[in-house]
Amino acid sequence: MWDNDLPMTLGVLPRNDPKPENQRWYPFKTQTFIGHIGNAFDVDEHNVCLDTPLQNGNVFGAFFPTDTGEAPRPGTVTSKFVRFHIDTRKPSGTFVGEPELLVDVDGEMPRIDDRFIGEKARYTLLSATSAPKRKGLGMAEGGVAGGGWFPNSVGLVDNVERKSVRWWAGELSAVGEPVFCPRTPDAPEGDGYVMCMVSRFVEHHAELVILDLKDFQNSKDEGDDIEPVARIVLPFRLRSGIHGSWVPASDLGEWKQLCDMHGVDERTMETFGDKIYHGTANGEVLHGHEKWDGDNHGGVDGHAAGAEVVRPHSRDWKLAKERLKLGIEGQGKEAVNGVNGV
């Protein structure tokens, strides 16, 4: 249950002496919320910095309303990316102080280069709302967890320069948690790729999008000139998830197919069959996927001419698209969640 009168509180526990008596609790303000933390690092023996999105209300109102059932209307809760400065010499109960504003970007799911966790990292990735030049989306933002936050962009925050660049995923699209992959094992921070799942509501499929962080750093048009390095399109719909992860191939031991077809019902197998694998099935290359070149191996939609491609279909998709276009009010009237109800 959400209590409007209780402050958001930060807890600090020493890594080198994690005992209950060493725990410190530092309150902030009421009507504020932190969902996910990007990073924290030691400034010196006594001071810690915490980089995080800070929301101005109850993001999870749909799950945890007040005792009277109240929750913020979609679109009313927004965030900024900030840095808290915590002096651990102060006793529990001390007001933590106002955070330092890093960038005024409405985002969540902060991630950094995992090799720099616990250090003062320069770059943070965010799932964010509209990029600056993309305001008319054809759909009002809102609906996730009842907090009115609909991530449709990937943002790169430069914590040193105090600026950000956002790549917009497209009309009626939602992005998941972005993850960073270094270009090489010894690449410097920020030299690599960002990957995230994108739900395409109109096309009724999901895809993995890979972006080069150099394109964010070198953007001359507020991110509007950024193009994906690759799009791995799944010929079916995945429910929009929240979190993402990446593991180097060297840590996997063996290569496995993305989709496990065991237990899939007969109708689905008849519809998709081996085509559900993009490029290979049971270790064999599908027709039209034998070659990959700099032009996405040619053809239509990145496939060679005559390649085996499955087009998604749904009896209810036409109705679902109409509901999406109605925006927040339309979703409420039709009892459809903008993410999981489609």
C-alpha atoms as a PDB file:
ATOM      1  CA  MET A   1       0.000   0.000   0.000  1.00  0.00           C
ATOM      2  CA  TRP A   2       1.234   3.496  -0.873  1.00  0.00           C
ATOM      3  CA  ASP A   3       1.273   6.079   1.906  1.00  0.00           C
ATOM      4  CA  ASN A   4       1.307   9.690   0.711  1.00  0.00           C
ATOM      5  CA  ASP A   5       2.645  10.847   4.079  1.00  0.00           C
ATOM      6  CA  LEU A   6       5.763   8.665   4.216  1.00  0.00           C
ATOM      7  CA  PRO A   7       9.025   9.872   2.644  1.00  0.00           C
ATOM      8  CA  MET A   8      11.039   7.953   0.119  1.00  0.00           C
ATOM      9  CA  THR A   9      14.071   6.668   2.079  1.00  0.00           C
ATOM     10  CA  LEU A  10      17.548   5.601   0.953  1.00  0.00           C
ATOM     11  CA  GLY A  11      19.400   2.818   2.768  1.00  0.00           C
ATOM     12  CA  VAL A  12      23.187   2.513   2.846  1.00  0.00           C
ATOM     13  CA  LEU A  13      25.045  -0.575   4.044  1.00  0.00           C
ATOM     14  CA  PRO A  14      28.872  -0.799   4.045  1.00  0.00           C
ATOM     15  CA  ARG A  15      30.147  -3.477   1.662  1.00  0.00           C
ATOM     16  CA  ASN A  16      33.156  -4.265   3.844  1.00  0.00           C
ATOM     17  CA  ASP A  17      31.177  -4.554   7.103  1.00  0.00           C
ATOM     18  CA  PRO A  18      27.551  -5.392   6.238  1.00  0.00           C
ATOM     19  CA  LYS A  19      26.073  -5.683   9.710  1.00  0.00           C
ATOM     20  CA  PRO A  20      22.562  -4.542  10.715  1.00  0.00           C
ATOM     21  CA  GLU A  21      23.940  -2.024  13.184  1.00  0.00           C
ATOM     22  CA  ASN A  22      25.895  -0.332  10.371  1.00  0.00           C
ATOM     23  CA  GLN A  23      22.822   0.240   8.211  1.00  0.00           C
ATOM     24  CA  ARG A  24      21.914   3.901   7.660  1.00  0.00           C
ATOM     25  CA  TRP A  25      18.495   5.212   6.563  1.00  0.00           C
ATOM     26  CA  TYR A  26      18.219   8.675   5.016  1.00  0.00           C
ATOM     27  CA  PRO A  27      14.728  10.052   4.243  1.00  0.00           C
ATOM     28  CA  PHE A  28      14.020  12.331   1.302  1.00  0.00           C
ATOM     29  CA  LYS A  29      10.532  13.673   0.553  1.00  0.00           C
ATOM     30  CA  THR A  30       6.990  12.374   0.356  1.00  0.00           C
ATOM     31  CA  GLN A  31       5.382  11.823  -3.050  1.00  0.00           C
ATOM     32  CA  THR A  32       8.692  10.687  -4.573  1.00  0.00           C
ATOM     33  CA  PHE A  33       9.723   7.298  -5.854  1.00  0.00           C
ATOM     34  CA  ILE A  34      12.822   5.390  -6.995  1.00  0.00           C
ATOM     35  CA  GLY A  35      12.301   2.210  -8.968  1.00  0.00           C
ATOM     36  CA  HIS A  36      15.678   1.204 -10.357  1.00  0.00           C
ATOM     37  CA  ILE A  37      19.158   2.500  -9.570  1.00  0.00           C
ATOM     38  CA  GLY A  38      21.707   3.088 -12.302  1.00  0.00           C
ATOM     39  CA  ASN A  39      24.901   3.016 -10.258  1.00  0.00           C
ATOM     40  CA  ALA A  40      26.529   4.021  -6.984  1.00  0.00           C
ATOM     41  CA  PHE A  41      30.156   4.766  -6.193  1.00  0.00           C
ATOM     42  CA  ASP A  42      32.392   5.891  -3.344  1.00  0.00           C
ATOM     43  CA  VAL A  43      33.664   9.458  -3.442  1.00  0.00           C
ATOM     44  CA  ASP A  44      35.848   8.920  -0.390  1.00  0.00           C
ATOM     45  CA  GLU A  45      35.767   6.989   2.881  1.00  0.00           C
ATOM     46  CA  HIS A  46      32.537   8.624   4.018  1.00  0.00           C
ATOM     47  CA  ASN A  47      30.659   9.866   0.950  1.00  0.00           C
ATOM     48  CA  VAL A  48      28.666   7.890  -1.595  1.00  0.00           C
ATOM     49  CA  CYS A  49      26.960   9.002  -4.802  1.00  0.00           C
ATOM     50  CA  LEU A  50      23.811   7.366  -6.139  1.00  0.00           C
ATOM     51  CA  ASP A  51      22.711   7.878  -9.768  1.00  0.00           C
ATOM     52  CA  THR A  52      19.043   7.150 -10.373  1.00  0.00           C
ATOM     53  CA  PRO A  53      15.803   8.246 -12.011  1.00  0.00           C
ATOM     54  CA  LEU A  54      13.667  10.110  -9.460  1.00  0.00           C
ATOM     55  CA  GLN A  55       9.903  10.058  -9.990  1.00  0.00           C
ATOM     56  CA  ASN A  56       7.502  12.669  -8.653  1.00  0.00           C
ATOM     57  CA  GLY A  57       4.839  10.196  -7.535  1.00  0.00           C
ATOM     58  CA  ASN A  58       3.647   6.614  -7.215  1.00  0.00           C
ATOM     59  CA  VAL A  59       4.741   4.816 -10.383  1.00  0.00           C
ATOM     60  CA  PHE A  60       3.186   1.533  -9.237  1.00  0.00           C
ATOM     61  CA  GLY A  61      -0.219   2.958  -8.440  1.00  0.00           C
ATOM     62  CA  ALA A  62      -1.979   0.112 -10.252  1.00  0.00           C
ATOM     63  CA  PHE A  63      -0.359  -2.382  -7.884  1.00  0.00           C
ATOM     64  CA  PHE A  64      -0.016  -0.336  -4.707  1.00  0.00           C
ATOM     65  CA  PRO A  65      -2.712   2.342  -4.433  1.00  0.00           C
ATOM     66  CA  THR A  66      -3.407   4.233  -1.229  1.00  0.00           C
ATOM     67  CA  ASP A  67      -5.631   2.776   1.487  1.00  0.00           C
ATOM     68  CA  THR A  68      -8.543   4.561  -0.182  1.00  0.00           C
ATOM     69  CA  GLY A  69      -7.712   3.098  -3.610  1.00  0.00           C
ATOM     70  CA  GLU A  70      -6.222   6.285  -5.059  1.00  0.00           C
ATOM     71  CA  ALA A  71      -3.530   6.149  -7.738  1.00  0.00           C
ATOM     72  CA  PRO A  72      -2.042   8.775 -10.076  1.00  0.00           C
ATOM     73  CA  ARG A  73      -3.650   9.182 -13.482  1.00  0.00           C
ATOM     74  CA  PRO A  74      -1.517   7.900 -16.377  1.00  0.00           C
ATOM     75  CA  GLY A  75       0.789  10.616 -17.634  1.00  0.00           C
ATOM     76  CA  THR A  76       1.025  12.539 -14.369  1.00  0.00           C
ATOM     77  CA  VAL A  77       4.140  10.822 -12.964  1.00  0.00           C
ATOM     78  CA  THR A  78       7.424  11.814 -14.603  1.00  0.00           C
ATOM     79  CA  SER A  79      11.079  11.492 -13.678  1.00  0.00           C
ATOM     80  CA  LYS A  80      14.462  13.178 -13.885  1.00  0.00           C
ATOM     81  CA  PHE A  81      17.880  11.544 -13.774  1.00  0.00           C
ATOM     82  CA  VAL A  82      19.672  12.722 -10.645  1.00  0.00           C
ATOM     83  CA  ARG A  83      22.653  12.069  -8.372  1.00  0.00           C
ATOM     84  CA  PHE A  84      22.227  11.852  -4.605  1.00  0.00           C
ATOM     85  CA  HIS A  85      25.234  12.772  -2.442  1.00  0.00           C
ATOM     86  CA  ILE A  86      25.155  10.774   0.787  1.00  0.00           C
ATOM     87  CA  ASP A  87      27.359  11.508   3.790  1.00  0.00           C
ATOM     88  CA  THR A  88      27.409   8.234   5.748  1.00  0.00           C
ATOM     89  CA  ARG A  89      28.782   9.986   8.854  1.00  0.00           C
ATOM     90  CA  LYS A  90      25.333  11.429   9.441  1.00  0.00           C
ATOM     91  CA  PRO A  91      23.000   9.354  11.633  1.00  0.00           C
ATOM     92  CA  SER A  92      19.925   7.532  10.383  1.00  0.00           C
ATOM     93  CA  GLY A  93      16.918   9.810  10.062  1.00  0.00           C
ATOM     94  CA  THR A  94      18.933  12.731   8.652  1.00  0.00           C
ATOM     95  CA  PHE A  95      17.409  14.336   5.565  1.00  0.00           C
ATOM     96  CA  VAL A  96      19.542  13.130   2.672  1.00  0.00           C
ATOM     97  CA  GLY A  97      19.482  16.492   0.905  1.00  0.00           C
ATOM     98  CA  GLU A  98      18.431  17.634  -2.537  1.00  0.00           C
ATOM     99  CA  PRO A  99      19.949  15.580  -5.377  1.00  0.00           C
ATOM    100  CA  GLU A 100      22.043  17.013  -8.165  1.00  0.00           C
ATOM    101  CA  LEU A 101      20.258  17.109 -11.526  1.00  0.00           C
ATOM    102  CA  LEU A 102      22.203  15.227 -14.196  1.00  0.00           C
ATOM    103  CA  VAL A 103      19.673  15.503 -17.049  1.00  0.00           C
ATOM    104  CA  ASP A 104      16.004  16.411 -17.264  1.00  0.00           C
ATOM    105  CA  VAL A 105      14.949  13.248 -19.078  1.00  0.00           C
ATOM    106  CA  ASP A 106      11.876  11.164 -18.276  1.00  0.00           C
ATOM    107  CA  GLY A 107      13.271   7.635 -18.185  1.00  0.00           C
ATOM    108  CA  GLU A 108      13.714   4.418 -16.262  1.00  0.00           C
ATOM    109  CA  MET A 109      15.594   1.082 -16.389  1.00  0.00           C
ATOM    110  CA  PRO A 110      19.026   2.734 -16.029  1.00  0.00           C
ATOM    111  CA  ARG A 111      21.992   0.598 -17.088  1.00  0.00           C
ATOM    112  CA  ILE A 112      25.713   1.235 -17.389  1.00  0.00           C
ATOM    113  CA  ASP A 113      28.651  -0.709 -18.773  1.00  0.00           C
ATOM    114  CA  ASP A 114      28.624  -3.558 -16.240  1.00  0.00           C
ATOM    115  CA  ARG A 115      32.428  -3.539 -16.118  1.00  0.00           C
ATOM    116  CA  PHE A 116      32.177  -0.185 -14.279  1.00  0.00           C
ATOM    117  CA  ILE A 117      29.564  -1.036 -11.658  1.00  0.00           C
ATOM    118  CA  GLY A 118      30.529   0.622  -8.381  1.00  0.00           C
ATOM    119  CA  GLU A 119      32.825   3.096 -10.123  1.00  0.00           C
ATOM    120  CA  LYS A 120      32.180   6.633 -11.326  1.00  0.00           C
ATOM    121  CA  ALA A 121      30.779   5.792 -14.754  1.00  0.00           C
ATOM    122  CA  ARG A 122      30.442   8.441 -17.429  1.00  0.00           C
ATOM    123  CA  TYR A 123      27.547   6.943 -19.397  1.00  0.00           C
ATOM    124  CA  THR A 124      24.094   5.684 -18.386  1.00  0.00           C
ATOM    125  CA  LEU A 125      21.477   4.118 -20.653  1.00  0.00           C
ATOM    126  CA  LEU A 126      17.749   4.679 -20.103  1.00  0.00           C
ATOM    127  CA  SER A 127      14.439   3.478 -21.459  1.00  0.00           C
ATOM    128  CA  ALA A 128      12.929   6.887 -22.061  1.00  0.00           C
ATOM    129  CA  THR A 129       9.919   8.709 -23.385  1.00  0.00           C
ATOM    130  CA  SER A 130       9.833  10.645 -26.618  1.00  0.00           C
ATOM    131  CA  ALA A 131      12.986  11.913 -28.228  1.00  0.00           C
ATOM    132  CA  PRO A 132      12.957  15.737 -28.638  1.00  0.00           C
ATOM    133  CA  LYS A 133      11.834  15.751 -32.274  1.00  0.00           C
ATOM    134  CA  ARG A 134       9.204  13.036 -31.851  1.00  0.00           C
ATOM    135  CA  LYS A 135       6.202  14.484 -30.085  1.00  0.00           C
ATOM    136  CA  GLY A 136       3.309  13.309 -32.241  1.00  0.00           C
ATOM    137  CA  LEU A 137       3.280   9.581 -31.619  1.00  0.00           C
ATOM    138  CA  GLY A 138      -0.273   8.730 -32.610  1.00  0.00           C
ATOM    139  CA  MET A 139      -0.750   7.399 -29.095  1.00  0.00           C
ATOM    140  CA  ALA A 140      -0.680   9.116 -25.749  1.00  0.00           C
ATOM    141  CA  GLU A 141       2.128   7.965 -23.516  1.00  0.00           C
ATOM    142  CA  GLY A 142       1.078   6.111 -20.443  1.00  0.00           C
ATOM    143  CA  GLY A 143      -0.213   2.855 -19.113  1.00  0.00           C
ATOM    144  CA  VAL A 144       2.767   0.904 -17.804  1.00  0.00           C
ATOM    145  CA  ALA A 145       2.198  -0.144 -14.189  1.00  0.00           C
ATOM    146  CA  GLY A 146      -0.499   2.493 -13.956  1.00  0.00           C
ATOM    147  CA  GLY A 147       2.125   5.194 -13.677  1.00  0.00           C
ATOM    148  CA  GLY A 148       1.611   6.768 -17.065  1.00  0.00           C
ATOM    149  CA  TRP A 149       5.044   5.942 -18.385  1.00  0.00           C
ATOM    150  CA  PHE A 150       5.403   4.460 -21.848  1.00  0.00           C
ATOM    151  CA  PRO A 151       9.053   4.042 -22.927  1.00  0.00           C
ATOM    152  CA  ASN A 152       9.463   4.460 -26.663  1.00  0.00           C
ATOM    153  CA  SER A 153      13.071   5.646 -26.862  1.00  0.00           C
ATOM    154  CA  VAL A 154      16.570   4.657 -25.768  1.00  0.00           C
ATOM    155  CA  GLY A 155      18.531   7.431 -24.110  1.00  0.00           C
ATOM    156  CA  LEU A 156      22.256   7.834 -23.545  1.00  0.00           C
ATOM    157  CA  VAL A 157      23.130  10.119 -20.633  1.00  0.00           C
ATOM    158  CA  ASP A 158      26.565  11.698 -20.416  1.00  0.00           C
ATOM    159  CA  ASN A 159      27.005  12.142 -16.670  1.00  0.00           C
ATOM    160  CA  VAL A 160      30.076  14.342 -17.163  1.00  0.00           C
ATOM    161  CA  GLU A 161      28.767  16.727 -19.830  1.00  0.00           C
ATOM    162  CA  ARG A 162      25.262  16.655 -18.292  1.00  0.00           C
ATOM    163  CA  LYS A 163      23.537  15.997 -21.608  1.00  0.00           C
ATOM    164  CA  SER A 164      21.567  13.235 -23.277  1.00  0.00           C
ATOM    165  CA  VAL A 165      20.688  11.877 -26.711  1.00  0.00           C
ATOM    166  CA  ARG A 166      17.658   9.719 -27.454  1.00  0.00           C
ATOM    167  CA  TRP A 167      16.865   7.283 -30.259  1.00  0.00           C
ATOM    168  CA  TRP A 168      13.150   6.985 -30.995  1.00  0.00           C
ATOM    169  CA  ALA A 169      11.932   3.423 -31.627  1.00  0.00           C
ATOM    170  CA  GLY A 170       9.052   4.442 -33.876  1.00  0.00           C
ATOM    171  CA  GLU A 171       5.310   4.932 -33.988  1.00  0.00           C
ATOM    172  CA  LEU A 172       3.356   2.738 -31.550  1.00  0.00           C
ATOM    173  CA  SER A 173       6.469   0.986 -30.264  1.00  0.00           C
ATOM    174  CA  ALA A 174       7.705   0.250 -26.755  1.00  0.00           C
ATOM    175  CA  VAL A 175      11.286  -0.439 -25.687  1.00  0.00           C
ATOM    176  CA  GLY A 176      12.499  -2.662 -22.879  1.00  0.00           C
ATOM    177  CA  GLU A 177      15.525  -2.285 -20.654  1.00  0.00           C
ATOM    178  CA  PRO A 178      18.636  -1.362 -22.679  1.00  0.00           C
ATOM    179  CA  VAL A 179      21.826  -3.325 -22.083  1.00  0.00           C
ATOM    180  CA  PHE A 180      25.393  -2.468 -23.029  1.00  0.00           C
ATOM    181  CA  CYS A 181      27.821  -4.738 -24.878  1.00  0.00           C
ATOM    182  CA  PRO A 182      31.470  -3.567 -25.193  1.00  0.00           C
ATOM    183  CA  ARG A 183      32.900  -3.597 -28.705  1.00  0.00           C
ATOM    184  CA  THR A 184      35.859  -5.659 -27.491  1.00  0.00           C
ATOM    185  CA  PRO A 185      36.664  -7.135 -24.066  1.00  0.00           C
ATOM    186  CA  ASP A 186      39.126  -4.315 -23.373  1.00  0.00           C
ATOM    187  CA  ALA A 187      37.172  -1.484 -25.022  1.00  0.00           C
ATOM    188  CA  PRO A 188      36.953   1.770 -23.033  1.00  0.00           C
ATOM    189  CA  GLU A 189      33.692   2.750 -21.367  1.00  0.00           C
ATOM    190  CA  GLY A 190      31.066   3.787 -23.876  1.00  0.00           C
ATOM    191  CA  ASP A 191      32.720   2.044 -26.827  1.00  0.00           C
ATOM    192  CA  GLY A 192      30.236  -0.597 -27.855  1.00  0.00           C
ATOM    193  CA  TYR A 193      26.612  -1.359 -28.542  1.00  0.00           C
ATOM    194  CA  VAL A 194      23.270  -1.034 -26.807  1.00  0.00           C
ATOM    195  CA  MET A 195      20.669  -3.752 -27.268  1.00  0.00           C
ATOM    196  CA  CYS A 196      16.994  -3.767 -26.320  1.00  0.00           C
ATOM    197  CA  MET A 197      13.749  -5.506 -27.146  1.00  0.00           C
ATOM    198  CA  VAL A 198      11.193  -3.424 -29.033  1.00  0.00           C
ATOM    199  CA  SER A 199       7.493  -4.292 -29.188  1.00  0.00           C
ATOM    200  CA  ARG A 200       5.929  -3.246 -32.493  1.00  0.00           C
ATOM    201  CA  PHE A 201       2.211  -2.902 -31.812  1.00  0.00           C
ATOM    202  CA  VAL A 202       1.121  -2.205 -35.387  1.00  0.00           C
ATOM    203  CA  GLU A 203       3.235  -4.930 -36.982  1.00  0.00           C
ATOM    204  CA  HIS A 204       2.323  -7.282 -34.109  1.00  0.00           C
ATOM    205  CA  HIS A 205       5.817  -8.595 -33.564  1.00  0.00           C
ATOM    206  CA  ALA A 206       8.876  -8.058 -31.393  1.00  0.00           C
ATOM    207  CA  GLU A 207      12.453  -7.420 -32.375  1.00  0.00           C
ATOM    208  CA  LEU A 208      15.887  -7.074 -30.872  1.00  0.00           C
ATOM    209  CA  VAL A 209      17.435  -3.744 -31.881  1.00  0.00           C
ATOM    210  CA  ILE A 210      21.198  -3.171 -31.791  1.00  0.00           C
ATOM    211  CA  LEU A 211      22.514   0.402 -31.771  1.00  0.00           C
ATOM    212  CA  ASP A 212      26.076   1.725 -31.864  1.00  0.00           C
ATOM    213  CA  LEU A 213      26.822   4.121 -29.001  1.00  0.00           C
ATOM    214  CA  LYS A 214      29.164   6.059 -31.283  1.00  0.00           C
ATOM    215  CA  ASP A 215      26.072   7.149 -33.213  1.00  0.00           C
ATOM    216  CA  PHE A 216      24.638   8.610 -29.989  1.00  0.00           C
ATOM    217  CA  GLN A 217      27.902  10.360 -29.155  1.00  0.00           C
ATOM    218  CA  ASN A 218      28.279  11.750 -32.690  1.00  0.00           C
ATOM    219  CA  SER A 219      24.639  12.650 -33.330  1.00  0.00           C
ATOM    220  CA  LYS A 220      24.161  16.042 -34.985  1.00  0.00           C
ATOM    221  CA  ASP A 221      20.364  15.984 -34.837  1.00  0.00           C
ATOM    222  CA  GLU A 222      19.351  15.243 -31.226  1.00  0.00           C
ATOM    223  CA  GLY A 223      19.375  11.525 -31.978  1.00  0.00           C
ATOM    224  CA  ASP A 224      17.050  11.758 -34.979  1.00  0.00           C
ATOM    225  CA  ASP A 225      19.908  10.698 -37.257  1.00  0.00           C
ATOM    226  CA  ILE A 226      20.596   7.431 -35.404  1.00  0.00           C
ATOM    227  CA  GLU A 227      19.906   4.215 -37.333  1.00  0.00           C
ATOM    228  CA  PRO A 228      20.103   0.688 -35.898  1.00  0.00           C
ATOM    229  CA  VAL A 229      23.132  -1.415 -36.695  1.00  0.00           C
ATOM    230  CA  ALA A 230      20.822  -4.437 -36.852  1.00  0.00           C
ATOM    231  CA  ARG A 231      17.217  -5.451 -36.235  1.00  0.00           C
ATOM    232  CA  ILE A 232      16.548  -9.073 -35.383  1.00  0.00           C
ATOM    233  CA  VAL A 233      12.845  -9.439 -36.088  1.00  0.00           C
ATOM    234  CA  LEU A 234      10.925 -12.229 -34.397  1.00  0.00           C
ATOM    235  CA  PRO A 235       7.975 -13.346 -36.554  1.00  0.00           C
ATOM    236  CA  PHE A 236       5.650 -13.400 -33.567  1.00  0.00           C
ATOM    237  CA  ARG A 237       4.586 -11.220 -30.669  1.00  0.00           C
ATOM    238  CA  LEU A 238       6.224 -11.231 -27.243  1.00  0.00           C
ATOM    239  CA  ARG A 239       4.543  -9.612 -24.298  1.00  0.00           C
ATOM    240  CA  SER A 240       6.365  -6.439 -23.386  1.00  0.00           C
ATOM    241  CA  GLY A 241       8.816  -7.256 -20.647  1.00  0.00           C
ATOM    242  CA  ILE A 242      10.644  -4.988 -18.271  1.00  0.00           C
ATOM    243  CA  HIS A 243      14.190  -6.139 -17.721  1.00  0.00           C
ATOM    244  CA  GLY A 244      16.963  -7.207 -20.074  1.00  0.00           C
ATOM    245  CA  SER A 245      20.352  -8.833 -19.803  1.00  0.00           C
ATOM    246  CA  TRP A 246      23.320  -9.716 -21.956  1.00  0.00           C
ATOM    247  CA  VAL A 247      25.886 -12.478 -21.549  1.00  0.00           C
ATOM    248  CA  PRO A 248      29.064 -12.820 -23.661  1.00  0.00           C
ATOM    249  CA  ALA A 249      29.069 -15.868 -25.933  1.00  0.00           C
ATOM    250  CA  SER A 250      32.308 -16.925 -24.263  1.00  0.00           C
ATOM    251  CA  ASP A 251      30.354 -17.482 -21.037  1.00  0.00           C
ATOM    252  CA  LEU A 252      27.644 -19.666 -22.588  1.00  0.00           C
ATOM    253  CA  GLY A 253      29.702 -22.738 -23.435  1.00  0.00           C
ATOM    254  CA  GLU A 254      27.468 -23.796 -26.334  1.00  0.00           C
ATOM    255  CA  TRP A 255      25.246 -22.153 -28.907  1.00  0.00           C
ATOM    256  CA  LYS A 256      21.506 -22.641 -28.464  1.00  0.00           C
ATOM    257  CA  GLN A 257      18.507 -21.671 -30.568  1.00  0.00           C
ATOM    258  CA  LEU A 258      16.586 -18.628 -29.419  1.00  0.00           C
ATOM    259  CA  CYS A 259      13.271 -20.505 -29.388  1.00  0.00           C
ATOM    260  CA  ASP A 260      12.587 -23.869 -27.788  1.00  0.00           C
ATOM    261  CA  MET A 261       9.826 -25.503 -29.828  1.00  0.00           C
ATOM    262  CA  HIS A 262       9.200 -28.349 -27.399  1.00  0.00           C
ATOM    263  CA  GLY A 263       5.647 -28.241 -26.088  1.00  0.00           C
ATOM    264  CA  VAL A 264       4.382 -25.823 -28.749  1.00  0.00           C
ATOM    265  CA  ASP A 265       0.856 -26.740 -29.817  1.00  0.00           C
ATOM    266  CA  GLU A 266       0.139 -28.381 -33.176  1.00  0.00           C
ATOM    267  CA  ARG A 267      -1.680 -25.377 -34.638  1.00  0.00           C
ATOM    268  CA  THR A 268       1.274 -23.085 -33.995  1.00  0.00           C
ATOM    269  CA  MET A 269       3.677 -25.605 -35.494  1.00  0.00           C
ATOM    270  CA  GLU A 270       1.499 -25.899 -38.616  1.00  0.00           C
ATOM    271  CA  THR A 271       1.401 -22.125 -38.941  1.00  0.00           C
ATOM    272  CA  PHE A 272       5.076 -21.388 -38.346  1.00  0.00           C
ATOM    273  CA  GLY A 273       7.017 -24.649 -38.327  1.00  0.00           C
ATOM    274  CA  ASP A 274      10.739 -24.242 -38.741  1.00  0.00           C
ATOM    275  CA  LYS A 275      10.173 -20.754 -40.102  1.00  0.00           C
ATOM    276  CA  ILE A 276       9.857 -19.488 -36.565  1.00  0.00           C
ATOM    277  CA  TYR A 277      13.653 -19.481 -36.424  1.00  0.00           C
ATOM    278  CA  HIS A 278      15.160 -16.469 -38.131  1.00  0.00           C
ATOM    279  CA  GLY A 279      17.940 -17.761 -40.373  1.00  0.00           C
ATOM    280  CA  THR A 280      18.414 -21.299 -39.062  1.00  0.00           C
ATOM    281  CA  ALA A 281      16.296 -24.196 -37.883  1.00  0.00           C
ATOM    282  CA  ASN A 282      17.725 -27.260 -36.196  1.00  0.00           C
ATOM    283  CA  GLY A 283      21.171 -26.194 -37.331  1.00  0.00           C
ATOM    284  CA  GLU A 284      20.174 -25.927 -41.012  1.00  0.00           C
ATOM    285  CA  VAL A 285      20.085 -22.627 -42.890  1.00  0.00           C
ATOM    286  CA  LEU A 286      16.631 -21.637 -44.119  1.00  0.00           C
ATOM    287  CA  HIS A 287      16.126 -20.803 -47.775  1.00  0.00           C
ATOM    288  CA  GLY A 288      16.980 -17.190 -48.496  1.00  0.00           C
ATOM    289  CA  HIS A 289      19.237 -16.840 -45.459  1.00  0.00           C
ATOM    290  CA  GLU A 290      22.343 -18.425 -46.922  1.00  0.00           C
ATOM    291  CA  LYS A 291      24.163 -15.136 -47.365  1.00  0.00           C
ATOM    292  CA  TRP A 292      24.684 -12.023 -45.250  1.00  0.00           C
ATOM    293  CA  ASP A 293      26.240  -8.883 -46.653  1.00  0.00           C
ATOM    294  CA  GLY A 294      26.453  -5.184 -45.937  1.00  0.00           C
ATOM    295  CA  ASP A 295      22.991  -4.623 -47.418  1.00  0.00           C
ATOM    296  CA  ASN A 296      21.134  -6.871 -44.950  1.00  0.00           C
ATOM    297  CA  HIS A 297      21.460  -9.598 -47.598  1.00  0.00           C
ATOM    298  CA  GLY A 298      19.134  -7.682 -49.898  1.00  0.00           C
ATOM    299  CA  GLY A 299      15.498  -8.374 -50.690  1.00  0.00           C
ATOM    300  CA  VAL A 300      12.456  -7.060 -48.870  1.00  0.00           C
ATOM    301  CA  ASP A 301      12.582  -6.159 -45.171  1.00  0.00           C
ATOM    302  CA  GLY A 302      16.159  -7.405 -44.888  1.00  0.00           C
ATOM    303  CA  HIS A 303      15.444 -10.818 -46.452  1.00  0.00           C
ATOM    304  CA  ALA A 304      16.737 -12.232 -49.707  1.00  0.00           C
ATOM    305  CA  ALA A 305      14.254 -12.668 -52.538  1.00  0.00           C
ATOM    306  CA  GLY A 306      12.170 -15.752 -51.880  1.00  0.00           C
ATOM    307  CA  ALA A 307      13.339 -16.080 -48.286  1.00  0.00           C
ATOM    308  CA  GLU A 308      11.067 -17.896 -45.882  1.00  0.00           C
ATOM    309  CA  VAL A 309       9.367 -15.142 -43.874  1.00  0.00           C
ATOM    310  CA  VAL A 310       6.344 -15.485 -41.603  1.00  0.00           C
ATOM    311  CA  ARG A 311       3.895 -12.587 -41.434  1.00  0.00           C
ATOM    312  CA  PRO A 312       2.138 -12.197 -38.073  1.00  0.00           C
ATOM    313  CA  HIS A 313      -1.633 -12.357 -38.061  1.00  0.00           C
ATOM    314  CA  SER A 314      -4.436 -12.036 -35.550  1.00  0.00           C
ATOM    315  CA  ARG A 315      -8.214 -12.108 -35.821  1.00  0.00           C
ATOM    316  CA  ASP A 316      -8.420  -9.360 -33.219  1.00  0.00           C
ATOM    317  CA  TRP A 317      -5.553  -7.234 -34.481  1.00  0.00           C
ATOM    318  CA  LYS A 318      -7.685  -4.733 -36.373  1.00  0.00           C
ATOM    319  CA  LEU A 319      -9.713  -4.035 -33.235  1.00  0.00           C
ATOM    320  CA  ALA A 320      -6.538  -3.890 -31.137  1.00  0.00           C
ATOM    321  CA  LYS A 321      -5.024  -1.244 -33.434  1.00  0.00           C
ATOM    322  CA  GLU A 322      -8.134   0.885 -33.163  1.00  0.00           C
ATOM    323  CA  ARG A 323      -7.978   0.690 -29.368  1.00  0.00           C
ATOM    324  CA  LEU A 324      -4.325   1.700 -29.392  1.00  0.00           C
ATOM    325  CA  LYS A 325      -5.066   4.753 -31.518  1.00  0.00           C
ATOM    326  CA  LEU A 326      -7.628   5.891 -28.969  1.00  0.00           C
ATOM    327  CA  GLY A 327      -4.830   6.448 -26.466  1.00  0.00           C
ATOM    328  CA  ILE A 328      -5.178   6.335 -22.699  1.00  0.00           C
ATOM    329  CA  GLU A 329      -8.854   7.233 -22.537  1.00  0.00           C
ATOM    330  CA  GLY A 330      -9.708   4.717 -25.224  1.00  0.00           C
ATOM    331  CA  GLN A 331      -7.752   1.988 -23.494  1.00  0.00           C
ATOM    332  CA  GLY A 332      -9.623   2.649 -20.266  1.00  0.00           C
ATOM    333  CA  LYS A 333     -13.016   2.603 -21.965  1.00  0.00           C
ATOM    334  CA  GLU A 334     -12.274  -0.686 -23.678  1.00  0.00           C
ATOM    335  CA  ALA A 335     -10.542  -2.174 -20.627  1.00  0.00           C
ATOM    336  CA  VAL A 336      -7.385  -2.741 -22.648  1.00  0.00           C
ATOM    337  CA  ASN A 337      -3.909  -2.246 -21.227  1.00  0.00           C
ATOM    338  CA  GLY A 338      -1.697  -0.488 -23.767  1.00  0.00           C
ATOM    339  CA  VAL A 339       1.055  -3.047 -23.354  1.00  0.00           C
ATOM    340  CA  ASN A 340      -0.317  -6.386 -22.197  1.00  0.00           C
ATOM    341  CA  GLY A 341      -3.853  -6.127 -23.487  1.00  0.00           C
ATOM    342  CA  VAL A 342      -2.960  -6.314 -27.170  1.00  0.00           C
END
